[in-house]
Amino acid sequence: MSMTPPVLYDMLSLACDTRHPAGTRLSLEHALVYVVQVASALQYAHDQRLIHRDVKPENMLLDAREQLLLADFGLALLLPTYPASTQVLDPALAGTAPYLAPEQVQGQPGPASDQYALGVVVYEWLCGQRPFRGTPIEVAMQHVSAPPPPFYEQAPDLPPPSRRSSCVRWPKSQRSVSPPCRTLPPPCNTLLIT
């Protein structure tokens, strides 16, 4: 009988998209458990002045206890130390088209870009599909110019928006003023992407 050492056991995680393949819908309760964990990881990264820039299910690992770990900081960007810094941010488009925030498409990623991508992930978890379809460039342009189809059109069994409070927001018009991830109501008991 082979025993896996505890340290290795914790490292043997599955990507979230492996445990929950594309097209699989998660329950609202299950999605909430995950979104709180991802938001916490993102807040930690943002507190360290890091923008992940590639938040997606493939970059979320689940261990045997259903603890979610945010992985793959290969595209992460370090924010300038001072707001008036002359340090130039990398303007190159980086990320995965289905999860790109409008400002990221426009070469100006920020912490809100990670929150937006988390909103796309939540949409996918609850609806079983991403909000936009097409070629990568078509999808990126839809993120900039089109509203996502409402949750209730894709998943009519979800509670109506009037009965949900806000946990994750997706405001395209106020991208630069999105609150920090730590301001998500703990514990989040409902989700809304507006």
Protein backbone atom coordinates (compact mmCIF):
# COMPACT_ATOMS: atom_id res chain seq x y z
CA MET A 1 0.00 0.00 0.00
CA SER A 2 1.41 3.35 -1.06
CA MET A 3 0.90 6.42 1.09
CA THR A 4 1.08 9.91 -0.34
CA PRO A 5 2.92 12.34 1.96
CA PRO A 6 0.57 15.10 3.22
CA VAL A 7 2.60 17.86 1.57
CA LEU A 8 2.41 16.14 -1.82
CA TYR A 9 -1.23 15.27 -1.28
CA ASP A 10 -2.05 18.96 -0.90
CA MET A 11 -0.13 19.72 -4.06
CA LEU A 12 -1.97 17.08 -6.09
CA SER A 13 -4.82 19.31 -7.17
CA LEU A 14 -7.10 19.27 -10.17
CA ALA A 15 -7.80 22.29 -12.30
CA CYS A 16 -11.28 23.58 -11.58
CA ASP A 17 -12.24 22.98 -15.21
CA THR A 18 -11.26 19.30 -14.83
CA ARG A 19 -13.49 18.75 -11.80
CA HIS A 20 -16.26 20.85 -13.36
CA PRO A 21 -15.91 20.48 -17.17
CA ALA A 22 -17.08 23.18 -19.58
CA GLY A 23 -20.85 23.23 -19.86
CA THR A 24 -21.30 22.05 -16.27
CA ARG A 25 -23.45 24.30 -14.12
CA LEU A 26 -22.63 24.74 -10.47
CA SER A 27 -25.24 25.35 -7.82
CA LEU A 28 -25.44 28.88 -6.48
CA GLU A 29 -24.20 27.63 -3.11
CA HIS A 30 -21.21 25.82 -4.65
CA ALA A 31 -20.30 28.85 -6.78
CA LEU A 32 -20.41 31.04 -3.67
CA VAL A 33 -17.90 28.85 -1.87
CA TYR A 34 -15.54 29.18 -4.81
CA VAL A 35 -16.04 32.89 -5.44
CA VAL A 36 -15.22 33.77 -1.83
CA GLN A 37 -11.98 31.77 -2.09
CA VAL A 38 -10.96 33.32 -5.43
CA ALA A 39 -11.85 36.83 -4.25
CA SER A 40 -9.68 36.30 -1.17
CA ALA A 41 -6.75 35.14 -3.32
CA LEU A 42 -7.21 38.09 -5.68
CA GLN A 43 -7.36 40.53 -2.79
CA TYR A 44 -4.10 39.15 -1.44
CA ALA A 45 -2.50 39.54 -4.88
CA HIS A 46 -3.87 43.07 -5.26
CA ASP A 47 -2.57 43.99 -1.79
CA GLN A 48 0.86 42.91 -3.09
CA ARG A 49 0.30 45.21 -6.13
CA LEU A 50 -0.13 42.25 -8.51
CA ILE A 51 -2.76 41.98 -11.21
CA HIS A 52 -3.27 38.35 -12.25
CA ARG A 53 -4.57 39.20 -15.78
CA ASP A 54 -5.63 35.61 -16.56
CA VAL A 55 -8.36 34.63 -14.08
CA LYS A 56 -10.19 31.62 -15.55
CA PRO A 57 -11.27 28.14 -14.41
CA GLU A 58 -8.13 26.56 -15.88
CA ASN A 59 -6.05 28.67 -13.48
CA MET A 60 -8.00 27.58 -10.41
CA LEU A 61 -6.91 24.39 -8.68
CA LEU A 62 -9.10 22.34 -6.36
CA ASP A 63 -7.66 20.08 -3.72
CA ALA A 64 -9.37 17.01 -2.28
CA ARG A 65 -11.07 19.20 0.35
CA GLU A 66 -12.57 21.50 -2.34
CA GLN A 67 -10.22 24.32 -1.38
CA LEU A 68 -9.63 26.49 -4.41
CA LEU A 69 -6.14 27.81 -5.19
CA LEU A 70 -5.50 30.55 -7.73
CA ALA A 71 -2.60 29.50 -9.97
CA ASP A 72 -0.57 30.58 -12.99
CA PHE A 73 0.67 34.07 -12.30
CA GLY A 74 2.69 33.92 -15.53
CA LEU A 75 0.91 36.97 -16.96
CA ALA A 76 0.78 38.86 -13.66
CA LEU A 77 1.67 42.53 -13.75
CA LEU A 78 3.22 44.52 -10.91
CA LEU A 79 1.49 47.85 -10.37
CA PRO A 80 3.58 51.01 -9.88
CA THR A 81 4.45 51.79 -6.26
CA TYR A 82 3.12 55.35 -6.42
CA PRO A 83 0.04 56.54 -8.34
CA ALA A 84 2.07 59.28 -10.03
CA SER A 85 4.95 56.93 -10.86
CA THR A 86 6.54 57.18 -14.26
CA GLN A 87 6.90 53.40 -14.30
CA VAL A 88 5.14 52.25 -17.45
CA LEU A 89 2.69 49.38 -17.30
CA ASP A 90 3.03 46.72 -19.96
CA PRO A 91 0.36 47.78 -22.47
CA ALA A 92 0.47 44.47 -24.37
CA LEU A 93 -2.80 42.58 -24.49
CA ALA A 94 -2.42 39.58 -22.22
CA GLY A 95 -5.00 37.13 -20.98
CA THR A 96 -7.61 34.76 -22.37
CA ALA A 97 -10.22 36.36 -24.65
CA PRO A 98 -13.38 34.93 -23.01
CA TYR A 99 -12.34 36.47 -19.65
CA LEU A 100 -10.82 39.82 -20.72
CA ALA A 101 -12.10 42.98 -19.06
CA PRO A 102 -12.83 45.95 -21.35
CA GLU A 103 -9.92 47.98 -19.95
CA GLN A 104 -7.62 44.99 -20.38
CA VAL A 105 -8.60 44.77 -24.07
CA GLN A 106 -7.71 48.46 -24.30
CA GLY A 107 -4.25 47.84 -22.78
CA GLN A 108 -5.02 49.33 -19.35
CA PRO A 109 -5.43 46.40 -16.92
CA GLY A 110 -5.98 47.01 -13.23
CA PRO A 111 -7.30 45.14 -10.19
CA ALA A 112 -10.84 45.62 -11.52
CA SER A 113 -9.81 43.54 -14.56
CA ASP A 114 -9.34 40.51 -12.31
CA GLN A 115 -12.73 41.16 -10.70
CA TYR A 116 -14.34 41.36 -14.13
CA ALA A 117 -12.75 38.07 -15.14
CA LEU A 118 -14.04 36.51 -11.91
CA GLY A 119 -17.50 37.78 -12.89
CA VAL A 120 -17.18 35.98 -16.24
CA VAL A 121 -16.14 32.80 -14.42
CA VAL A 122 -19.14 33.07 -12.09
CA TYR A 123 -21.41 33.59 -15.10
CA GLU A 124 -19.95 30.45 -16.66
CA TRP A 125 -20.34 28.46 -13.43
CA LEU A 126 -23.98 29.47 -12.97
CA CYS A 127 -25.09 29.37 -16.62
CA GLY A 128 -22.95 26.54 -17.94
CA GLN A 129 -21.61 28.76 -20.72
CA ARG A 130 -19.60 31.92 -21.18
CA PRO A 131 -21.52 35.12 -21.91
CA PHE A 132 -19.94 35.79 -25.32
CA ARG A 133 -19.12 33.59 -28.32
CA GLY A 134 -17.11 34.03 -31.49
CA THR A 135 -13.50 34.28 -32.53
CA PRO A 136 -11.09 35.58 -29.87
CA ILE A 137 -11.17 39.09 -31.35
CA GLU A 138 -15.00 39.05 -31.63
CA VAL A 139 -15.29 37.95 -28.00
CA ALA A 140 -12.82 40.63 -26.85
CA MET A 141 -14.81 43.30 -28.70
CA GLN A 142 -18.07 42.06 -27.17
CA HIS A 143 -16.53 42.50 -23.72
CA VAL A 144 -15.86 46.14 -24.63
CA SER A 145 -19.17 46.97 -26.29
CA ALA A 146 -21.97 44.53 -25.46
CA PRO A 147 -23.81 43.71 -22.24
CA PRO A 148 -23.77 40.04 -21.26
CA PRO A 149 -27.04 38.14 -21.63
CA PRO A 150 -28.82 38.29 -18.26
CA PHE A 151 -28.40 35.31 -15.94
CA TYR A 152 -32.11 34.53 -15.95
CA GLU A 153 -32.11 34.10 -19.74
CA GLN A 154 -29.34 31.49 -19.53
CA ALA A 155 -30.36 29.89 -16.23
CA PRO A 156 -34.05 30.56 -15.50
CA ASP A 157 -33.91 28.45 -12.34
CA LEU A 158 -31.69 31.05 -10.59
CA PRO A 159 -33.47 33.44 -8.23
CA PRO A 160 -34.63 36.67 -9.94
CA PRO A 161 -32.29 39.66 -9.56
CA SER A 162 -34.72 41.45 -7.26
CA ARG A 163 -34.27 38.69 -4.67
CA ARG A 164 -30.45 38.66 -4.83
CA SER A 165 -28.03 41.03 -3.18
CA SER A 166 -24.72 41.83 -4.78
CA CYS A 167 -21.61 39.74 -4.28
CA VAL A 168 -19.87 40.06 -7.61
CA ARG A 169 -20.47 43.05 -9.86
CA TRP A 170 -19.71 43.43 -13.52
CA PRO A 171 -20.15 47.18 -14.18
CA LYS A 172 -18.65 48.07 -17.56
CA SER A 173 -19.35 51.77 -17.09
CA GLN A 174 -17.49 52.07 -13.76
CA ARG A 175 -14.49 49.78 -14.29
CA SER A 176 -11.94 52.16 -12.75
CA VAL A 177 -13.83 52.51 -9.47
CA SER A 178 -14.60 48.88 -8.67
CA PRO A 179 -14.30 48.21 -4.93
CA PRO A 180 -11.55 45.93 -3.64
CA CYS A 181 -12.29 42.22 -3.50
CA ARG A 182 -12.27 42.46 0.31
CA THR A 183 -15.48 44.51 0.14
CA LEU A 184 -17.47 41.55 -1.13
CA PRO A 185 -20.05 40.93 1.59
CA PRO A 186 -18.76 38.10 3.81
CA PRO A 187 -20.18 35.60 3.58
CA CYS A 188 -21.62 36.22 0.15
CA ASN A 189 -25.01 34.62 0.06
CA THR A 190 -26.04 35.62 -3.43
CA LEU A 191 -24.50 36.66 -6.72
CA LEU A 192 -25.35 39.39 -9.17
CA ILE A 193 -23.50 40.44 -12.25
CA THR A 194 -24.89 43.75 -13.51
